[in-house]
C-alpha atoms as a PDB file:
ATOM      1  CA  UNK A   1      94.589 112.050 118.651  1.00  0.00           C
ATOM      2  CA  UNK A   2      90.972 112.795 118.265  1.00  0.00           C
ATOM      3  CA  UNK A   3      90.042 110.142 121.141  1.00  0.00           C
ATOM      4  CA  UNK A   4      93.246 111.553 123.768  1.00  0.00           C
ATOM      5  CA  UNK A   5      92.131 114.843 123.390  1.00  0.00           C
ATOM      6  CA  UNK A   6      88.275 114.469 124.088  1.00  0.00           C
ATOM      7  CA  UNK A   7      89.442 112.476 127.219  1.00  0.00           C
ATOM      8  CA  UNK A   8      91.115 115.573 128.472  1.00  0.00           C
ATOM      9  CA  UNK A   9      88.004 117.462 127.320  1.00  0.00           C
ATOM     10  CA  UNK A  10      89.804 119.803 124.536  1.00  0.00           C
ATOM     11  CA  UNK A  11      87.776 120.876 121.306  1.00  0.00           C
ATOM     12  CA  UNK A  12      88.051 119.309 118.505  1.00  0.00           C
ATOM     13  CA  UNK A  13      87.318 120.059 115.019  1.00  0.00           C
ATOM     14  CA  UNK A  14      87.543 118.210 112.211  1.00  0.00           C
ATOM     15  CA  UNK A  15      86.486 120.938 108.615  1.00  0.00           C
ATOM     16  CA  UNK A  16      86.463 118.957 105.710  1.00  0.00           C
ATOM     17  CA  UNK A  17      88.858 121.630 103.752  1.00  0.00           C
ATOM     18  CA  UNK A  18      91.102 124.527 104.819  1.00  0.00           C
ATOM     19  CA  UNK A  19      89.798 126.392 101.829  1.00  0.00           C
ATOM     20  CA  UNK A  20      86.863 127.706 103.163  1.00  0.00           C
ATOM     21  CA  UNK A  21      86.082 131.218 105.166  1.00  0.00           C
ATOM     22  CA  UNK A  22      84.788 129.144 107.352  1.00  0.00           C
ATOM     23  CA  UNK A  23      87.979 127.282 108.141  1.00  0.00           C
ATOM     24  CA  UNK A  24      90.154 129.987 107.767  1.00  0.00           C
ATOM     25  CA  UNK A  25      87.850 132.401 110.490  1.00  0.00           C
ATOM     26  CA  UNK A  26      87.831 129.211 112.986  1.00  0.00           C
ATOM     27  CA  UNK A  27      91.670 129.272 113.402  1.00  0.00           C
ATOM     28  CA  UNK A  28      91.749 133.021 113.724  1.00  0.00           C
ATOM     29  CA  UNK A  29      89.365 132.765 116.806  1.00  0.00           C
ATOM     30  CA  UNK A  30      92.053 130.653 118.069  1.00  0.00           C
ATOM     31  CA  UNK A  31      94.692 132.915 118.387  1.00  0.00           C
ATOM     32  CA  UNK A  32      96.820 130.260 117.635  1.00  0.00           C
ATOM     33  CA  UNK A  33     100.557 130.776 118.550  1.00  0.00           C
ATOM     34  CA  UNK A  34     101.663 127.342 116.527  1.00  0.00           C
ATOM     35  CA  UNK A  35      99.419 125.116 114.256  1.00  0.00           C
ATOM     36  CA  UNK A  36     101.268 121.849 114.427  1.00  0.00           C
ATOM     37  CA  UNK A  37     100.980 119.403 111.243  1.00  0.00           C
ATOM     38  CA  UNK A  38     101.353 115.906 111.267  1.00  0.00           C
ATOM     39  CA  UNK A  39     100.907 113.608 108.412  1.00  0.00           C
ATOM     40  CA  UNK A  40      98.584 115.817 107.036  1.00  0.00           C
ATOM     41  CA  UNK A  41      99.067 114.922 103.537  1.00  0.00           C
ATOM     42  CA  UNK A  42      98.062 118.356 101.730  1.00  0.00           C
ATOM     43  CA  UNK A  43      99.338 121.834 100.694  1.00  0.00           C
ATOM     44  CA  UNK A  44      98.247 124.103 103.330  1.00  0.00           C
ATOM     45  CA  UNK A  45      96.521 127.251 101.670  1.00  0.00           C
ATOM     46  CA  UNK A  46      99.097 130.561 102.314  1.00  0.00           C
ATOM     47  CA  UNK A  47      96.067 131.628 104.483  1.00  0.00           C
ATOM     48  CA  UNK A  48      96.314 129.435 106.602  1.00  0.00           C
ATOM     49  CA  UNK A  49     100.284 129.457 106.910  1.00  0.00           C
ATOM     50  CA  UNK A  50     100.109 133.172 108.063  1.00  0.00           C
ATOM     51  CA  UNK A  51      97.798 132.501 110.662  1.00  0.00           C
ATOM     52  CA  UNK A  52     100.017 131.085 113.649  1.00  0.00           C
ATOM     53  CA  UNK A  53     102.126 133.883 115.723  1.00  0.00           C
ATOM     54  CA  UNK A  54     104.829 131.333 115.025  1.00  0.00           C
ATOM     55  CA  UNK A  55     103.702 129.946 112.074  1.00  0.00           C
ATOM     56  CA  UNK A  56     102.803 126.477 110.659  1.00  0.00           C
ATOM     57  CA  UNK A  57     105.398 123.356 112.597  1.00  0.00           C
ATOM     58  CA  UNK A  58     105.811 120.643 110.664  1.00  0.00           C
ATOM     59  CA  UNK A  59     107.019 117.037 111.868  1.00  0.00           C
ATOM     60  CA  UNK A  60     108.559 115.390 108.917  1.00  0.00           C
ATOM     61  CA  UNK A  61     109.461 111.637 109.182  1.00  0.00           C
ATOM     62  CA  UNK A  62     113.219 112.066 107.574  1.00  0.00           C
ATOM     63  CA  UNK A  63     116.393 114.389 107.523  1.00  0.00           C
ATOM     64  CA  UNK A  64     115.322 117.117 105.321  1.00  0.00           C
ATOM     65  CA  UNK A  65     116.220 117.831 102.667  1.00  0.00           C
ATOM     66  CA  UNK A  66     116.348 113.993 101.735  1.00  0.00           C
ATOM     67  CA  UNK A  67     112.503 112.492 100.970  1.00  0.00           C
ATOM     68  CA  UNK A  68     110.525 115.334 101.516  1.00  0.00           C
ATOM     69  CA  UNK A  69     107.005 114.699 100.326  1.00  0.00           C
ATOM     70  CA  UNK A  70     104.378 111.865 101.183  1.00  0.00           C
ATOM     71  CA  UNK A  71     106.236 108.764 101.495  1.00  0.00           C
ATOM     72  CA  UNK A  72     109.820 109.346 103.368  1.00  0.00           C
ATOM     73  CA  UNK A  73     109.371 105.868 105.534  1.00  0.00           C
ATOM     74  CA  UNK A  74     109.251 103.829 102.753  1.00  0.00           C
ATOM     75  CA  UNK A  75     111.193 105.262 100.128  1.00  0.00           C
ATOM     76  CA  UNK A  76     114.299 105.565 103.024  1.00  0.00           C
ATOM     77  CA  UNK A  77     113.805 101.767 103.290  1.00  0.00           C
ATOM     78  CA  UNK A  78     113.294 101.222  99.134  1.00  0.00           C
ATOM     79  CA  UNK A  79     116.660 102.905  98.463  1.00  0.00           C
ATOM     80  CA  UNK A  80     118.685 100.648 101.206  1.00  0.00           C
ATOM     81  CA  UNK A  81     119.480 104.168 103.576  1.00  0.00           C
ATOM     82  CA  UNK A  82     121.234 103.151 106.665  1.00  0.00           C
ATOM     83  CA  UNK A  83     119.760 106.711 108.073  1.00  0.00           C
ATOM     84  CA  UNK A  84     117.126 108.472 108.782  1.00  0.00           C
ATOM     85  CA  UNK A  85     115.182 110.873 111.814  1.00  0.00           C
ATOM     86  CA  UNK A  86     112.635 113.440 112.520  1.00  0.00           C
ATOM     87  CA  UNK A  87     112.849 116.983 111.262  1.00  0.00           C
ATOM     88  CA  UNK A  88     110.630 119.959 112.603  1.00  0.00           C
ATOM     89  CA  UNK A  89     110.175 122.427 109.895  1.00  0.00           C
ATOM     90  CA  UNK A  90     108.608 125.723 109.440  1.00  0.00           C
ATOM     91  CA  UNK A  91     105.884 125.061 106.498  1.00  0.00           C
ATOM     92  CA  UNK A  92     106.419 127.529 103.880  1.00  0.00           C
ATOM     93  CA  UNK A  93     104.104 127.695 100.097  1.00  0.00           C
ATOM     94  CA  UNK A  94     106.454 124.397  98.693  1.00  0.00           C
ATOM     95  CA  UNK A  95     106.810 121.196  99.587  1.00  0.00           C
ATOM     96  CA  UNK A  96     108.328 120.519 102.773  1.00  0.00           C
ATOM     97  CA  UNK A  97     110.367 123.293 101.514  1.00  0.00           C
ATOM     98  CA  UNK A  98     110.908 124.950 104.649  1.00  0.00           C
ATOM     99  CA  UNK A  99     113.407 125.869 107.393  1.00  0.00           C
ATOM    100  CA  UNK A 100     114.555 123.581 109.634  1.00  0.00           C
ATOM    101  CA  UNK A 101     114.322 124.123 113.730  1.00  0.00           C
ATOM    102  CA  UNK A 102     115.175 120.572 114.909  1.00  0.00           C
ATOM    103  CA  UNK A 103     116.149 117.512 113.794  1.00  0.00           C
ATOM    104  CA  UNK A 104     117.527 113.692 115.210  1.00  0.00           C
ATOM    105  CA  UNK A 105     118.231 110.662 113.214  1.00  0.00           C
ATOM    106  CA  UNK A 106     118.319 107.347 113.752  1.00  0.00           C
ATOM    107  CA  UNK A 107     120.086 103.856 112.328  1.00  0.00           C
ATOM    108  CA  UNK A 108     117.474 101.944 110.013  1.00  0.00           C
ATOM    109  CA  UNK A 109     118.634  98.100 111.029  1.00  0.00           C
ATOM    110  CA  UNK A 110     118.443  94.925 108.728  1.00  0.00           C
ATOM    111  CA  UNK A 111     115.093  94.051 109.932  1.00  0.00           C
ATOM    112  CA  UNK A 112     113.060  97.534 110.299  1.00  0.00           C
ATOM    113  CA  UNK A 113     110.077  97.790 108.516  1.00  0.00           C
ATOM    114  CA  UNK A 114     107.843 100.542 107.770  1.00  0.00           C
ATOM    115  CA  UNK A 115     105.719  99.856 110.929  1.00  0.00           C
ATOM    116  CA  UNK A 116     108.651  99.375 113.151  1.00  0.00           C
ATOM    117  CA  UNK A 117     110.627 102.377 111.482  1.00  0.00           C
ATOM    118  CA  UNK A 118     107.096 104.615 111.552  1.00  0.00           C
ATOM    119  CA  UNK A 119     106.971 104.203 115.463  1.00  0.00           C
ATOM    120  CA  UNK A 120     109.993 104.609 116.497  1.00  0.00           C
ATOM    121  CA  UNK A 121     110.129 107.822 114.771  1.00  0.00           C
ATOM    122  CA  UNK A 122     106.404 108.908 115.645  1.00  0.00           C
ATOM    123  CA  UNK A 123     108.206 108.233 119.245  1.00  0.00           C
ATOM    124  CA  UNK A 124     111.027 110.828 118.230  1.00  0.00           C
ATOM    125  CA  UNK A 125     108.696 113.148 116.611  1.00  0.00           C
ATOM    126  CA  UNK A 126     106.528 113.767 119.633  1.00  0.00           C
ATOM    127  CA  UNK A 127     109.957 114.283 121.791  1.00  0.00           C
ATOM    128  CA  UNK A 128     111.279 116.791 119.223  1.00  0.00           C
ATOM    129  CA  UNK A 129     108.176 118.470 118.656  1.00  0.00           C
ATOM    130  CA  UNK A 130     107.702 119.658 122.653  1.00  0.00           C
ATOM    131  CA  UNK A 131     111.220 120.814 122.519  1.00  0.00           C
ATOM    132  CA  UNK A 132     111.037 122.984 119.900  1.00  0.00           C
ATOM    133  CA  UNK A 133     107.995 124.316 120.850  1.00  0.00           C
ATOM    134  CA  UNK A 134     109.573 125.236 123.869  1.00  0.00           C
ATOM    135  CA  UNK A 135     112.424 126.370 122.181  1.00  0.00           C
ATOM    136  CA  UNK A 136     110.159 128.897 120.406  1.00  0.00           C
ATOM    137  CA  UNK A 137     108.607 129.763 123.595  1.00  0.00           C
ATOM    138  CA  UNK A 138     111.624 130.735 124.994  1.00  0.00           C
ATOM    139  CA  UNK A 139     112.485 132.659 121.850  1.00  0.00           C
ATOM    140  CA  UNK A 140     116.020 130.445 121.903  1.00  0.00           C
ATOM    141  CA  UNK A 141     114.358 128.567 118.771  1.00  0.00           C
ATOM    142  CA  UNK A 142     117.116 129.285 115.832  1.00  0.00           C
ATOM    143  CA  UNK A 143     115.968 128.571 111.887  1.00  0.00           C
ATOM    144  CA  UNK A 144     118.034 126.765 109.361  1.00  0.00           C
ATOM    145  CA  UNK A 145     118.315 126.693 105.737  1.00  0.00           C
ATOM    146  CA  UNK A 146     117.458 123.514 103.985  1.00  0.00           C
ATOM    147  CA  UNK A 147     120.547 122.449 101.742  1.00  0.00           C
ATOM    148  CA  UNK A 148     120.091 122.847  97.893  1.00  0.00           C
ATOM    149  CA  UNK A 149     122.318 119.683  97.505  1.00  0.00           C
ATOM    150  CA  UNK A 150     120.655 116.228  98.590  1.00  0.00           C
ATOM    151  CA  UNK A 151     117.482 116.809  97.560  1.00  0.00           C
ATOM    152  CA  UNK A 152     115.078 113.650  96.774  1.00  0.00           C
ATOM    153  CA  UNK A 153     111.161 113.106  96.669  1.00  0.00           C
ATOM    154  CA  UNK A 154     109.752 110.721  98.282  1.00  0.00           C
ATOM    155  CA  UNK A 155     106.600 110.416  95.526  1.00  0.00           C
ATOM    156  CA  UNK A 156     103.380 108.362  96.566  1.00  0.00           C
ATOM    157  CA  UNK A 157     103.242 104.662  97.113  1.00  0.00           C
ATOM    158  CA  UNK A 158     101.409 103.053  94.069  1.00  0.00           C
ATOM    159  CA  UNK A 159      99.798  99.927  94.661  1.00  0.00           C
ATOM    160  CA  UNK A 160     101.675  98.407  91.074  1.00  0.00           C
ATOM    161  CA  UNK A 161     105.327  98.299  93.573  1.00  0.00           C
ATOM    162  CA  UNK A 162     104.249  96.091  95.498  1.00  0.00           C
ATOM    163  CA  UNK A 163     104.769  93.266  93.361  1.00  0.00           C
ATOM    164  CA  UNK A 164     107.778  91.385  93.703  1.00  0.00           C
ATOM    165  CA  UNK A 165     110.041  90.915  90.322  1.00  0.00           C
ATOM    166  CA  UNK A 166     112.377  88.271  90.956  1.00  0.00           C
ATOM    167  CA  UNK A 167     114.867  89.217  88.695  1.00  0.00           C
ATOM    168  CA  UNK A 168     115.908  91.986  91.083  1.00  0.00           C
ATOM    169  CA  UNK A 169     118.337  91.210  93.381  1.00  0.00           C
ATOM    170  CA  UNK A 170     117.878  89.435  97.296  1.00  0.00           C
ATOM    171  CA  UNK A 171     118.398  92.747  98.705  1.00  0.00           C
ATOM    172  CA  UNK A 172     116.194  95.027  96.480  1.00  0.00           C
ATOM    173  CA  UNK A 173     113.487  92.607  97.309  1.00  0.00           C
ATOM    174  CA  UNK A 174     114.439  92.347 101.074  1.00  0.00           C
ATOM    175  CA  UNK A 175     113.903  96.021 100.987  1.00  0.00           C
ATOM    176  CA  UNK A 176     110.666  95.892  99.217  1.00  0.00           C
ATOM    177  CA  UNK A 177     109.132  93.404 102.053  1.00  0.00           C
ATOM    178  CA  UNK A 178     110.141  95.712 104.480  1.00  0.00           C
ATOM    179  CA  UNK A 179     108.969  99.192 102.941  1.00  0.00           C
ATOM    180  CA  UNK A 180     105.616  97.527 101.717  1.00  0.00           C
ATOM    181  CA  UNK A 181     105.099  96.101 105.634  1.00  0.00           C
ATOM    182  CA  UNK A 182     102.491  96.788 106.930  1.00  0.00           C
ATOM    183  CA  UNK A 183     100.729  98.695 103.722  1.00  0.00           C
ATOM    184  CA  UNK A 184     100.151  97.563 101.008  1.00  0.00           C
ATOM    185  CA  UNK A 185     102.397  94.226 101.226  1.00  0.00           C
ATOM    186  CA  UNK A 186     104.678  92.629  98.833  1.00  0.00           C
ATOM    187  CA  UNK A 187     103.573  90.230  96.845  1.00  0.00           C
ATOM    188  CA  UNK A 188     104.151  87.249  93.444  1.00  0.00           C
ATOM    189  CA  UNK A 189     101.567  85.070  92.173  1.00  0.00           C
ATOM    190  CA  UNK A 190     100.900  81.632  93.131  1.00  0.00           C
ATOM    191  CA  UNK A 191      98.971  78.953  91.118  1.00  0.00           C
ATOM    192  CA  UNK A 192      97.444  82.001  89.411  1.00  0.00           C
ATOM    193  CA  UNK A 193      96.536  83.759  92.843  1.00  0.00           C
ATOM    194  CA  UNK A 194      98.295  86.432  94.865  1.00  0.00           C
ATOM    195  CA  UNK A 195     100.685  85.734  97.655  1.00  0.00           C
ATOM    196  CA  UNK A 196     101.544  87.979  99.909  1.00  0.00           C
ATOM    197  CA  UNK A 197     105.351  88.215 101.463  1.00  0.00           C
ATOM    198  CA  UNK A 198     105.002  89.554 104.988  1.00  0.00           C
ATOM    199  CA  UNK A 199     109.187  88.856 106.464  1.00  0.00           C
ATOM    200  CA  UNK A 200     111.902  87.664 104.377  1.00  0.00           C
ATOM    201  CA  UNK A 201     115.856  88.460 104.658  1.00  0.00           C
ATOM    202  CA  UNK A 202     118.425  87.683 102.470  1.00  0.00           C
ATOM    203  CA  UNK A 203     120.596  84.555 102.268  1.00  0.00           C
ATOM    204  CA  UNK A 204     123.554  83.357 100.318  1.00  0.00           C
ATOM    205  CA  UNK A 205     123.314  81.397  97.101  1.00  0.00           C
ATOM    206  CA  UNK A 206     123.807  77.935  97.950  1.00  0.00           C
ATOM    207  CA  UNK A 207     127.571  77.076  96.527  1.00  0.00           C
ATOM    208  CA  UNK A 208     127.952  75.033  93.094  1.00  0.00           C
ATOM    209  CA  UNK A 209     124.427  74.952  92.478  1.00  0.00           C
ATOM    210  CA  UNK A 210     123.077  75.338  89.124  1.00  0.00           C
ATOM    211  CA  UNK A 211     121.365  77.726  86.993  1.00  0.00           C
ATOM    212  CA  UNK A 212     117.577  78.441  88.427  1.00  0.00           C
ATOM    213  CA  UNK A 213     115.269  80.474  87.039  1.00  0.00           C
ATOM    214  CA  UNK A 214     114.148  83.535  89.257  1.00  0.00           C
ATOM    215  CA  UNK A 215     111.887  83.249  91.480  1.00  0.00           C
ATOM    216  CA  UNK A 216     111.915  79.252  91.742  1.00  0.00           C
ATOM    217  CA  UNK A 217     111.578  77.602  95.021  1.00  0.00           C
ATOM    218  CA  UNK A 218     114.780  76.269  96.273  1.00  0.00           C
ATOM    219  CA  UNK A 219     114.144  74.787  99.125  1.00  0.00           C
ATOM    220  CA  UNK A 220     110.660  74.686 101.832  1.00  0.00           C
ATOM    221  CA  UNK A 221     111.873  73.664 105.133  1.00  0.00           C
ATOM    222  CA  UNK A 222     110.770  74.938 108.698  1.00  0.00           C
ATOM    223  CA  UNK A 223     113.341  77.541 108.263  1.00  0.00           C
ATOM    224  CA  UNK A 224     111.838  79.180 105.621  1.00  0.00           C
ATOM    225  CA  UNK A 225     111.137  79.210 101.914  1.00  0.00           C
ATOM    226  CA  UNK A 226     114.165  79.925  99.789  1.00  0.00           C
ATOM    227  CA  UNK A 227     113.371  81.647  96.127  1.00  0.00           C
ATOM    228  CA  UNK A 228     116.034  82.221  93.623  1.00  0.00           C
ATOM    229  CA  UNK A 229     116.170  85.822  92.939  1.00  0.00           C
ATOM    230  CA  UNK A 230     118.345  87.892  89.944  1.00  0.00           C
ATOM    231  CA  UNK A 231     121.022  87.962  92.337  1.00  0.00           C
ATOM    232  CA  UNK A 232     121.302  85.921  95.595  1.00  0.00           C
ATOM    233  CA  UNK A 233     118.398  83.968  97.510  1.00  0.00           C
ATOM    234  CA  UNK A 234     115.540  85.279  99.730  1.00  0.00           C
ATOM    235  CA  UNK A 235     114.093  83.245 102.221  1.00  0.00           C
ATOM    236  CA  UNK A 236     110.359  83.983 102.982  1.00  0.00           C
ATOM    237  CA  UNK A 237     109.579  83.589 106.149  1.00  0.00           C
ATOM    238  CA  UNK A 238     105.964  84.769 106.634  1.00  0.00           C
ATOM    239  CA  UNK A 239     103.534  84.887 103.760  1.00  0.00           C
ATOM    240  CA  UNK A 240     100.053  84.960 102.968  1.00  0.00           C
ATOM    241  CA  UNK A 241      97.175  83.068 100.431  1.00  0.00           C
ATOM    242  CA  UNK A 242      94.632  85.928  99.333  1.00  0.00           C
ATOM    243  CA  UNK A 243      91.527  85.438 101.430  1.00  0.00           C
ATOM    244  CA  UNK A 244      93.512  83.724 104.362  1.00  0.00           C
ATOM    245  CA  UNK A 245      95.484  85.208 107.178  1.00  0.00           C
ATOM    246  CA  UNK A 246      99.601  85.833 107.550  1.00  0.00           C
ATOM    247  CA  UNK A 247     101.335  82.009 108.814  1.00  0.00           C
ATOM    248  CA  UNK A 248     105.021  81.159 109.535  1.00  0.00           C
ATOM    249  CA  UNK A 249     106.282  79.677 106.795  1.00  0.00           C
ATOM    250  CA  UNK A 250     106.505  76.239 108.719  1.00  0.00           C
ATOM    251  CA  UNK A 251     102.774  76.489 109.171  1.00  0.00           C
ATOM    252  CA  UNK A 252     102.212  77.459 105.900  1.00  0.00           C
ATOM    253  CA  UNK A 253     103.844  74.411 104.478  1.00  0.00           C
ATOM    254  CA  UNK A 254     101.456  72.185 106.166  1.00  0.00           C
ATOM    255  CA  UNK A 255      99.268  72.390 103.626  1.00  0.00           C
ATOM    256  CA  UNK A 256     101.240  73.341 100.719  1.00  0.00           C
ATOM    257  CA  UNK A 257     104.003  71.910  98.805  1.00  0.00           C
ATOM    258  CA  UNK A 258     106.748  74.285  97.560  1.00  0.00           C
ATOM    259  CA  UNK A 259     109.401  72.710  95.863  1.00  0.00           C
ATOM    260  CA  UNK A 260     110.387  73.381  92.537  1.00  0.00           C
ATOM    261  CA  UNK A 261     107.656  75.725  92.243  1.00  0.00           C
ATOM    262  CA  UNK A 262     107.687  78.869  90.436  1.00  0.00           C
ATOM    263  CA  UNK A 263     106.795  82.260  91.559  1.00  0.00           C
ATOM    264  CA  UNK A 264     105.365  85.017  88.699  1.00  0.00           C
ATOM    265  CA  UNK A 265     105.055  88.277  88.504  1.00  0.00           C
ATOM    266  CA  UNK A 266     102.353  88.888  86.548  1.00  0.00           C
END
């Protein structure tokens, strides 16, 4: 955003905080119609919210009131949601509680990751904020209060959540892998070290298979590395040893033997 603004010859300010008198004076001097907020990550002071003529307008990557908070994309994937979207809302003192000006939805596909979903929502949000600002300018904008029911909070992602627990179902672990791609990347333990899982897919467990501990590698072939889960089997498609680059399973197996090995979660 900054690079593009500078290319266009626009003035760019980067105040360290909006709580200082200098930052407030800067915003007031701009005589703003609206202040658009995207991925800011902090609560704006009331003094800032009151400055723009039309208020502070936020582009939020969920269909509010579901997934208010810091990590709506990852939380939607982790929860197995089938639909998400973008909401344009007027900011209030509360966390993502303000009235909605516009929204648009998108289907979450079985191979969507946090990156693919982020990129799709970013394009949707850019289109939707333009339409919403046009509506505000023309006086045809209509605000709708968020429903009191259906509120969920998307807490900030913790690094500890990236560790795979193989006792979970293959579907749950698949959602974890997709939600944490490209960051912080789901991981397991292999030979006492870190092994990151970038891409995977759940598959059906082989019929009549013997009881096997979760985390055990059933087979390791060119197609992928099949790992027993609490329910079902997860096929790892791309993975990465610590200090190495991510590799497709077939290439990874050229230097590793995994048949019968067991991945650990601690």
